[in-house]
C-alpha atoms as a PDB file:
ATOM      1  CA  ILE A   1      74.737 140.252  58.205  1.00  0.00           C
ATOM      2  CA  CYS A   2      76.001 143.821  58.519  1.00  0.00           C
ATOM      3  CA  THR A   3      79.678 144.529  57.808  1.00  0.00           C
ATOM      4  CA  SER A   4      79.644 147.833  55.918  1.00  0.00           C
ATOM      5  CA  ASN A   5      80.370 150.307  58.705  1.00  0.00           C
ATOM      6  CA  ASN A   6      83.828 149.040  59.695  1.00  0.00           C
ATOM      7  CA  SER A   7      82.366 146.706  62.307  1.00  0.00           C
ATOM      8  CA  CYS A   8      80.689 143.317  62.274  1.00  0.00           C
ATOM      9  CA  SER A   9      77.195 142.257  63.278  1.00  0.00           C
ATOM     10  CA  VAL A  10      74.928 139.243  62.884  1.00  0.00           C
ATOM     11  CA  ALA A  11      71.274 138.871  63.855  1.00  0.00           C
ATOM     12  CA  ILE A  12      68.568 136.245  63.388  1.00  0.00           C
ATOM     13  CA  SER A  13      64.874 137.074  63.435  1.00  0.00           C
ATOM     14  CA  ASN A  14      61.541 135.333  63.195  1.00  0.00           C
ATOM     15  CA  HIS A  15      59.529 137.816  61.175  1.00  0.00           C
ATOM     16  CA  SER A  16      60.334 141.154  62.901  1.00  0.00           C
ATOM     17  CA  ASN A  17      61.188 139.546  66.248  1.00  0.00           C
ATOM     18  CA  VAL A  18      64.960 139.353  66.716  1.00  0.00           C
ATOM     19  CA  LEU A  19      65.869 136.023  68.318  1.00  0.00           C
ATOM     20  CA  ALA A  20      69.590 136.652  68.783  1.00  0.00           C
ATOM     21  CA  ALA A  21      72.195 139.233  67.792  1.00  0.00           C
ATOM     22  CA  ASN A  22      75.927 139.783  68.186  1.00  0.00           C
ATOM     23  CA  TYR A  23      78.041 142.847  67.490  1.00  0.00           C
ATOM     24  CA  ASN A  24      81.804 143.412  67.352  1.00  0.00           C
ATOM     25  CA  VAL A  25      83.071 146.998  67.268  1.00  0.00           C
ATOM     26  CA  GLU A  26      86.739 146.280  66.560  1.00  0.00           C
ATOM     27  CA  PRO A  27      87.487 148.098  63.290  1.00  0.00           C
ATOM     28  CA  ALA A  28      88.398 146.098  60.184  1.00  0.00           C
ATOM     29  CA  MET A  29      88.105 142.731  61.936  1.00  0.00           C
ATOM     30  CA  GLN A  30      85.162 141.317  59.991  1.00  0.00           C
ATOM     31  CA  ALA A  31      87.210 138.560  58.343  1.00  0.00           C
ATOM     32  CA  GLN A  32      88.427 137.300  61.724  1.00  0.00           C
ATOM     33  CA  TYR A  33      85.095 137.298  63.540  1.00  0.00           C
ATOM     34  CA  LEU A  34      82.206 136.960  61.093  1.00  0.00           C
ATOM     35  CA  VAL A  35      82.043 133.176  60.678  1.00  0.00           C
ATOM     36  CA  CYS A  36      82.326 132.594  64.434  1.00  0.00           C
ATOM     37  CA  MET A  37      79.651 135.215  65.052  1.00  0.00           C
ATOM     38  CA  ILE A  38      77.295 133.514  62.600  1.00  0.00           C
ATOM     39  CA  LYS A  39      77.758 130.173  64.384  1.00  0.00           C
ATOM     40  CA  LYS A  40      77.348 131.773  67.820  1.00  0.00           C
ATOM     41  CA  THR A  41      74.192 133.644  66.824  1.00  0.00           C
ATOM     42  CA  MET A  42      72.651 130.513  65.321  1.00  0.00           C
ATOM     43  CA  MET A  43      73.366 128.595  68.528  1.00  0.00           C
ATOM     44  CA  GLN A  44      71.776 131.339  70.625  1.00  0.00           C
ATOM     45  CA  ALA A  45      68.701 131.379  68.384  1.00  0.00           C
ATOM     46  CA  GLN A  46      68.655 127.564  68.344  1.00  0.00           C
ATOM     47  CA  VAL A  47      68.389 127.338  64.557  1.00  0.00           C
ATOM     48  CA  THR A  48      70.225 125.554  61.758  1.00  0.00           C
ATOM     49  CA  PHE A  49      70.683 126.611  58.147  1.00  0.00           C
ATOM     50  CA  GLU A  50      67.718 124.384  57.276  1.00  0.00           C
ATOM     51  CA  ASP A  51      65.520 126.623  59.449  1.00  0.00           C
ATOM     52  CA  ILE A  52      66.540 129.828  57.664  1.00  0.00           C
ATOM     53  CA  ASP A  53      64.607 131.020  54.611  1.00  0.00           C
ATOM     54  CA  TYR A  54      66.309 134.335  53.824  1.00  0.00           C
ATOM     55  CA  LEU A  55      69.705 135.898  54.388  1.00  0.00           C
ATOM     56  CA  ALA A  56      69.839 139.704  54.403  1.00  0.00           C
ATOM     57  CA  VAL A  57      73.257 141.292  53.904  1.00  0.00           C
ATOM     58  CA  THR A  58      74.401 144.889  53.484  1.00  0.00           C
ATOM     59  CA  GLN A  59      76.272 145.883  50.324  1.00  0.00           C
ATOM     60  CA  GLY A  60      77.590 149.329  51.245  1.00  0.00           C
ATOM     61  CA  PRO A  61      78.807 151.841  50.523  1.00  0.00           C
ATOM     62  CA  GLY A  62      81.229 151.756  53.408  1.00  0.00           C
ATOM     63  CA  SER A  63      84.201 149.686  54.489  1.00  0.00           C
ATOM     64  CA  PHE A  64      85.621 148.153  51.300  1.00  0.00           C
ATOM     65  CA  THR A  65      87.018 145.065  53.015  1.00  0.00           C
ATOM     66  CA  GLY A  66      84.039 144.635  55.321  1.00  0.00           C
ATOM     67  CA  ILE A  67      81.540 144.697  52.475  1.00  0.00           C
ATOM     68  CA  ARG A  68      83.401 142.010  50.554  1.00  0.00           C
ATOM     69  CA  VAL A  69      83.750 139.818  53.658  1.00  0.00           C
ATOM     70  CA  GLY A  70      80.017 140.001  54.355  1.00  0.00           C
ATOM     71  CA  LEU A  71      79.033 139.287  50.769  1.00  0.00           C
ATOM     72  CA  ALA A  72      81.536 136.428  50.471  1.00  0.00           C
ATOM     73  CA  ALA A  73      80.133 134.829  53.622  1.00  0.00           C
ATOM     74  CA  ALA A  74      76.600 135.208  52.281  1.00  0.00           C
ATOM     75  CA  LEU A  75      77.646 133.686  48.956  1.00  0.00           C
ATOM     76  CA  GLY A  76      79.169 130.688  50.712  1.00  0.00           C
ATOM     77  CA  ILE A  77      76.015 130.094  52.732  1.00  0.00           C
ATOM     78  CA  ILE A  78      73.521 130.361  49.875  1.00  0.00           C
ATOM     79  CA  THR A  79      75.698 128.229  47.594  1.00  0.00           C
ATOM     80  CA  VAL A  80      75.307 125.203  49.872  1.00  0.00           C
ATOM     81  CA  SER A  81      71.726 125.839  50.976  1.00  0.00           C
ATOM     82  CA  LYS A  82      68.294 126.858  49.738  1.00  0.00           C
ATOM     83  CA  ILE A  83      68.450 130.220  51.514  1.00  0.00           C
ATOM     84  CA  VAL A  84      67.415 133.228  49.409  1.00  0.00           C
ATOM     85  CA  PRO A  85      69.663 136.310  49.633  1.00  0.00           C
ATOM     86  CA  ILE A  86      68.270 139.797  50.214  1.00  0.00           C
ATOM     87  CA  VAL A  87      70.920 142.378  49.364  1.00  0.00           C
ATOM     88  CA  ILE A  88      70.310 145.764  50.979  1.00  0.00           C
ATOM     89  CA  SER A  89      72.192 149.039  50.568  1.00  0.00           C
ATOM     90  CA  ASP A  90      73.191 150.927  53.689  1.00  0.00           C
ATOM     91  CA  PHE A  91      71.212 153.880  52.342  1.00  0.00           C
ATOM     92  CA  GLU A  92      68.071 151.770  52.598  1.00  0.00           C
ATOM     93  CA  VAL A  93      68.872 150.737  56.175  1.00  0.00           C
ATOM     94  CA  LEU A  94      69.344 154.380  57.192  1.00  0.00           C
ATOM     95  CA  LYS A  95      66.137 155.353  55.412  1.00  0.00           C
ATOM     96  CA  PHE A  96      64.318 152.648  57.363  1.00  0.00           C
ATOM     97  CA  LEU A  97      65.756 153.890  60.674  1.00  0.00           C
ATOM     98  CA  ILE A  98      64.816 157.505  59.937  1.00  0.00           C
ATOM     99  CA  LYS A  99      61.268 156.503  59.040  1.00  0.00           C
ATOM    100  CA  GLN A 100      60.984 154.492  62.251  1.00  0.00           C
ATOM    101  CA  GLN A 101      62.321 157.322  64.413  1.00  0.00           C
ATOM    102  CA  LEU A 102      60.592 160.410  62.961  1.00  0.00           C
ATOM    103  CA  LYS A 103      56.836 160.224  62.629  1.00  0.00           C
ATOM    104  CA  GLY A 104      55.502 162.270  59.741  1.00  0.00           C
ATOM    105  CA  VAL A 105      58.913 162.699  58.134  1.00  0.00           C
ATOM    106  CA  ASN A 106      58.759 163.614  54.441  1.00  0.00           C
ATOM    107  CA  VAL A 107      62.392 163.435  53.364  1.00  0.00           C
ATOM    108  CA  ALA A 108      65.335 161.296  54.473  1.00  0.00           C
ATOM    109  CA  PHE A 109      68.961 162.223  53.857  1.00  0.00           C
ATOM    110  CA  THR A 110      71.220 159.192  54.287  1.00  0.00           C
ATOM    111  CA  ILE A 111      74.820 160.330  54.614  1.00  0.00           C
ATOM    112  CA  ILE A 112      77.877 158.065  54.741  1.00  0.00           C
ATOM    113  CA  ASN A 113      81.446 159.264  55.205  1.00  0.00           C
ATOM    114  CA  ALA A 114      83.570 158.918  52.056  1.00  0.00           C
ATOM    115  CA  TYR A 115      86.511 160.730  53.722  1.00  0.00           C
ATOM    116  CA  ARG A 116      88.613 163.549  52.255  1.00  0.00           C
ATOM    117  CA  ASN A 117      85.712 165.907  53.006  1.00  0.00           C
ATOM    118  CA  LYS A 118      83.349 163.941  50.771  1.00  0.00           C
ATOM    119  CA  VAL A 119      80.187 162.005  51.549  1.00  0.00           C
ATOM    120  CA  TYR A 120      77.970 159.414  49.922  1.00  0.00           C
ATOM    121  CA  LEU A 121      74.441 160.778  50.008  1.00  0.00           C
ATOM    122  CA  GLN A 122      71.059 159.534  48.911  1.00  0.00           C
ATOM    123  CA  LYS A 123      67.846 161.480  49.316  1.00  0.00           C
ATOM    124  CA  PHE A 124      64.494 159.744  49.762  1.00  0.00           C
ATOM    125  CA  ASP A 125      61.138 161.499  49.398  1.00  0.00           C
ATOM    126  CA  PHE A 126      58.417 159.515  51.163  1.00  0.00           C
ATOM    127  CA  ASN A 127      55.674 161.456  49.373  1.00  0.00           C
ATOM    128  CA  SER A 128      56.931 160.860  45.852  1.00  0.00           C
ATOM    129  CA  SER A 129      57.240 157.828  43.630  1.00  0.00           C
ATOM    130  CA  SER A 130      60.316 159.327  41.958  1.00  0.00           C
ATOM    131  CA  SER A 131      63.719 158.145  43.103  1.00  0.00           C
ATOM    132  CA  PHE A 132      66.959 160.029  43.675  1.00  0.00           C
ATOM    133  CA  GLN A 133      70.293 158.542  42.713  1.00  0.00           C
ATOM    134  CA  ALA A 134      73.008 158.193  45.311  1.00  0.00           C
ATOM    135  CA  VAL A 135      75.820 160.689  44.812  1.00  0.00           C
ATOM    136  CA  LEU A 136      79.405 161.202  45.897  1.00  0.00           C
ATOM    137  CA  ILE A 137      79.714 164.908  46.715  1.00  0.00           C
ATOM    138  CA  ASP A 138      81.686 167.402  48.771  1.00  0.00           C
ATOM    139  CA  ALA A 139      80.420 167.870  52.308  1.00  0.00           C
ATOM    140  CA  THR A 140      79.629 171.522  51.547  1.00  0.00           C
ATOM    141  CA  GLU A 141      77.406 170.440  48.658  1.00  0.00           C
ATOM    142  CA  ALA A 142      75.563 168.092  51.001  1.00  0.00           C
ATOM    143  CA  VAL A 143      74.934 170.956  53.434  1.00  0.00           C
ATOM    144  CA  ASN A 144      73.499 173.126  50.657  1.00  0.00           C
ATOM    145  CA  LEU A 145      71.275 170.296  49.460  1.00  0.00           C
ATOM    146  CA  ILE A 146      69.887 169.776  52.960  1.00  0.00           C
ATOM    147  CA  LEU A 147      69.369 173.508  53.573  1.00  0.00           C
ATOM    148  CA  ASN A 148      67.384 173.832  50.342  1.00  0.00           C
ATOM    149  CA  THR A 149      64.834 171.269  51.517  1.00  0.00           C
ATOM    150  CA  LYS A 150      61.696 172.781  53.055  1.00  0.00           C
ATOM    151  CA  SER A 151      59.938 169.551  54.035  1.00  0.00           C
ATOM    152  CA  LEU A 152      60.244 167.803  57.400  1.00  0.00           C
ATOM    153  CA  SER A 153      63.556 165.992  56.980  1.00  0.00           C
ATOM    154  CA  GLY A 154      65.698 163.505  58.877  1.00  0.00           C
ATOM    155  CA  CYS A 155      69.450 163.022  58.457  1.00  0.00           C
ATOM    156  CA  ALA A 156      71.314 159.884  59.541  1.00  0.00           C
ATOM    157  CA  GLY A 157      74.558 158.066  58.844  1.00  0.00           C
ATOM    158  CA  ASN A 158      78.140 158.160  60.068  1.00  0.00           C
ATOM    159  CA  ALA A 159      78.774 161.503  58.319  1.00  0.00           C
ATOM    160  CA  THR A 160      75.843 163.195  60.088  1.00  0.00           C
ATOM    161  CA  LYS A 161      77.987 164.789  62.810  1.00  0.00           C
ATOM    162  CA  MET A 162      80.400 166.221  60.243  1.00  0.00           C
ATOM    163  CA  ILE A 163      77.535 167.643  58.195  1.00  0.00           C
ATOM    164  CA  TYR A 164      75.882 169.118  61.289  1.00  0.00           C
ATOM    165  CA  GLU A 165      79.099 170.815  62.418  1.00  0.00           C
ATOM    166  CA  LEU A 166      79.647 172.206  58.932  1.00  0.00           C
ATOM    167  CA  LEU A 167      76.047 173.393  58.790  1.00  0.00           C
ATOM    168  CA  VAL A 168      76.481 175.245  62.097  1.00  0.00           C
ATOM    169  CA  THR A 169      79.357 177.213  60.586  1.00  0.00           C
ATOM    170  CA  THR A 170      77.292 177.933  57.463  1.00  0.00           C
ATOM    171  CA  THR A 171      74.107 179.307  58.998  1.00  0.00           C
ATOM    172  CA  THR A 172      73.285 181.085  62.259  1.00  0.00           C
ATOM    173  CA  THR A 173      70.094 179.093  62.787  1.00  0.00           C
ATOM    174  CA  ILE A 174      69.436 175.419  62.124  1.00  0.00           C
ATOM    175  CA  PRO A 175      66.121 175.180  60.225  1.00  0.00           C
ATOM    176  CA  ASN A 176      63.443 173.667  62.459  1.00  0.00           C
ATOM    177  CA  ASN A 177      62.347 171.284  59.708  1.00  0.00           C
ATOM    178  CA  ILE A 178      65.673 169.407  59.762  1.00  0.00           C
ATOM    179  CA  PHE A 179      66.398 166.729  62.363  1.00  0.00           C
ATOM    180  CA  PHE A 180      69.796 165.091  62.817  1.00  0.00           C
ATOM    181  CA  LEU A 181      69.854 161.575  64.254  1.00  0.00           C
ATOM    182  CA  PRO A 182      73.394 160.958  65.579  1.00  0.00           C
ATOM    183  CA  ARG A 183      72.343 157.727  67.320  1.00  0.00           C
ATOM    184  CA  PHE A 184      72.237 156.046  63.904  1.00  0.00           C
ATOM    185  CA  ALA A 185      75.834 156.860  62.991  1.00  0.00           C
ATOM    186  CA  TYR A 186      76.455 153.146  63.449  1.00  0.00           C
ATOM    187  CA  TYR A 187      73.945 150.317  63.595  1.00  0.00           C
ATOM    188  CA  ASP A 188      73.976 146.566  63.810  1.00  0.00           C
ATOM    189  CA  ALA A 189      72.231 143.746  61.948  1.00  0.00           C
ATOM    190  CA  ARG A 190      68.942 144.003  63.850  1.00  0.00           C
ATOM    191  CA  PRO A 191      67.413 146.757  61.673  1.00  0.00           C
ATOM    192  CA  VAL A 192      68.697 144.874  58.624  1.00  0.00           C
ATOM    193  CA  CYS A 193      66.569 141.895  59.704  1.00  0.00           C
ATOM    194  CA  ARG A 194      63.545 144.088  60.336  1.00  0.00           C
ATOM    195  CA  LEU A 195      63.885 145.872  57.000  1.00  0.00           C
ATOM    196  CA  ALA A 196      64.200 142.546  55.170  1.00  0.00           C
ATOM    197  CA  TYR A 197      61.027 141.326  56.858  1.00  0.00           C
ATOM    198  CA  GLN A 198      59.231 144.537  55.907  1.00  0.00           C
ATOM    199  CA  LEU A 199      60.226 144.049  52.266  1.00  0.00           C
ATOM    200  CA  LEU A 200      58.918 140.489  52.316  1.00  0.00           C
ATOM    201  CA  ALA A 201      55.718 141.256  54.233  1.00  0.00           C
ATOM    202  CA  SER A 202      54.816 144.147  51.931  1.00  0.00           C
ATOM    203  CA  LYS A 203      55.817 142.114  48.859  1.00  0.00           C
ATOM    204  CA  GLN A 204      58.269 144.756  47.682  1.00  0.00           C
ATOM    205  CA  SER A 205      60.996 143.913  45.211  1.00  0.00           C
ATOM    206  CA  TYR A 206      64.541 143.376  46.456  1.00  0.00           C
ATOM    207  CA  SER A 207      67.934 142.540  45.017  1.00  0.00           C
ATOM    208  CA  THR A 208      69.481 139.088  45.202  1.00  0.00           C
ATOM    209  CA  GLU A 209      72.721 140.122  43.480  1.00  0.00           C
ATOM    210  CA  LEU A 210      75.624 139.665  45.876  1.00  0.00           C
ATOM    211  CA  SER A 211      77.675 142.581  44.595  1.00  0.00           C
ATOM    212  CA  PRO A 212      79.176 145.525  46.476  1.00  0.00           C
ATOM    213  CA  LEU A 213      77.608 148.923  45.910  1.00  0.00           C
ATOM    214  CA  TYR A 214      79.950 151.775  45.127  1.00  0.00           C
ATOM    215  CA  VAL A 215      78.981 155.348  44.397  1.00  0.00           C
ATOM    216  CA  CYS A 216      81.247 157.448  42.218  1.00  0.00           C
ATOM    217  CA  ASN A 217      80.964 160.313  39.761  1.00  0.00           C
ATOM    218  CA  ARG A 218      77.449 160.999  41.058  1.00  0.00           C
ATOM    219  CA  ASN A 219      76.148 157.650  39.832  1.00  0.00           C
ATOM    220  CA  PHE A 220      75.648 154.128  41.075  1.00  0.00           C
ATOM    221  CA  LYS A 221      78.423 151.744  40.140  1.00  0.00           C
ATOM    222  CA  HIS A 222      78.244 148.019  40.833  1.00  0.00           C
ATOM    223  CA  CYS A 223      81.376 145.889  40.911  1.00  0.00           C
ATOM    224  CA  GLU A 224      81.403 142.135  40.755  1.00  0.00           C
ATOM    225  CA  LEU A 225      82.423 140.269  43.905  1.00  0.00           C
ATOM    226  CA  ALA A 226      85.470 138.897  42.107  1.00  0.00           C
ATOM    227  CA  GLY A 227      86.511 142.380  40.980  1.00  0.00           C
ATOM    228  CA  ARG A 228      89.433 144.303  42.362  1.00  0.00           C
END
């Protein structure tokens, strides 16, 4: 289930093979369409809840209402079934897409629009075991952070175009080690399925906590589903 980016998408996969997927681009309509889309996708894939082992759902950051709708639907499903939730941040989905698209990439910048000239940003270094916290920063700060990176880097997310346009006004030449991937400004539930399978196949840890992810004051902040 993917509802973070102001749209609504559902996909079902068998391992990494997507059996069926549906996508609705109408903004802020997740509450109206999600349940019907789940039923439709299950019919297309010819599965029941008893056939499903895991449910992957995005937790943001992104559309406040959309995130809560997706997590609430996931909570309802797992409450009445034996399905195990896999809760994935949108940063992780973008990181996965960058890694899939750019061979040999060293650094991923995942950039999500926070509006008012601010962005949510998380940096991933594929050659380091250290982790970087997600931050809420001004768009100009994001540009400087990207420009200061010398490694082969990929940038993706729905704020990528804004950052690119700002970068063009900042420097006369775009560094040849930085690649912008505008095609991943928006994505559906298919890469969410594939990422979840990758986590399971490689026996990596994952979250099962159905809570929205917010980023504020340069730090992660989790809010309970029943919160405001």
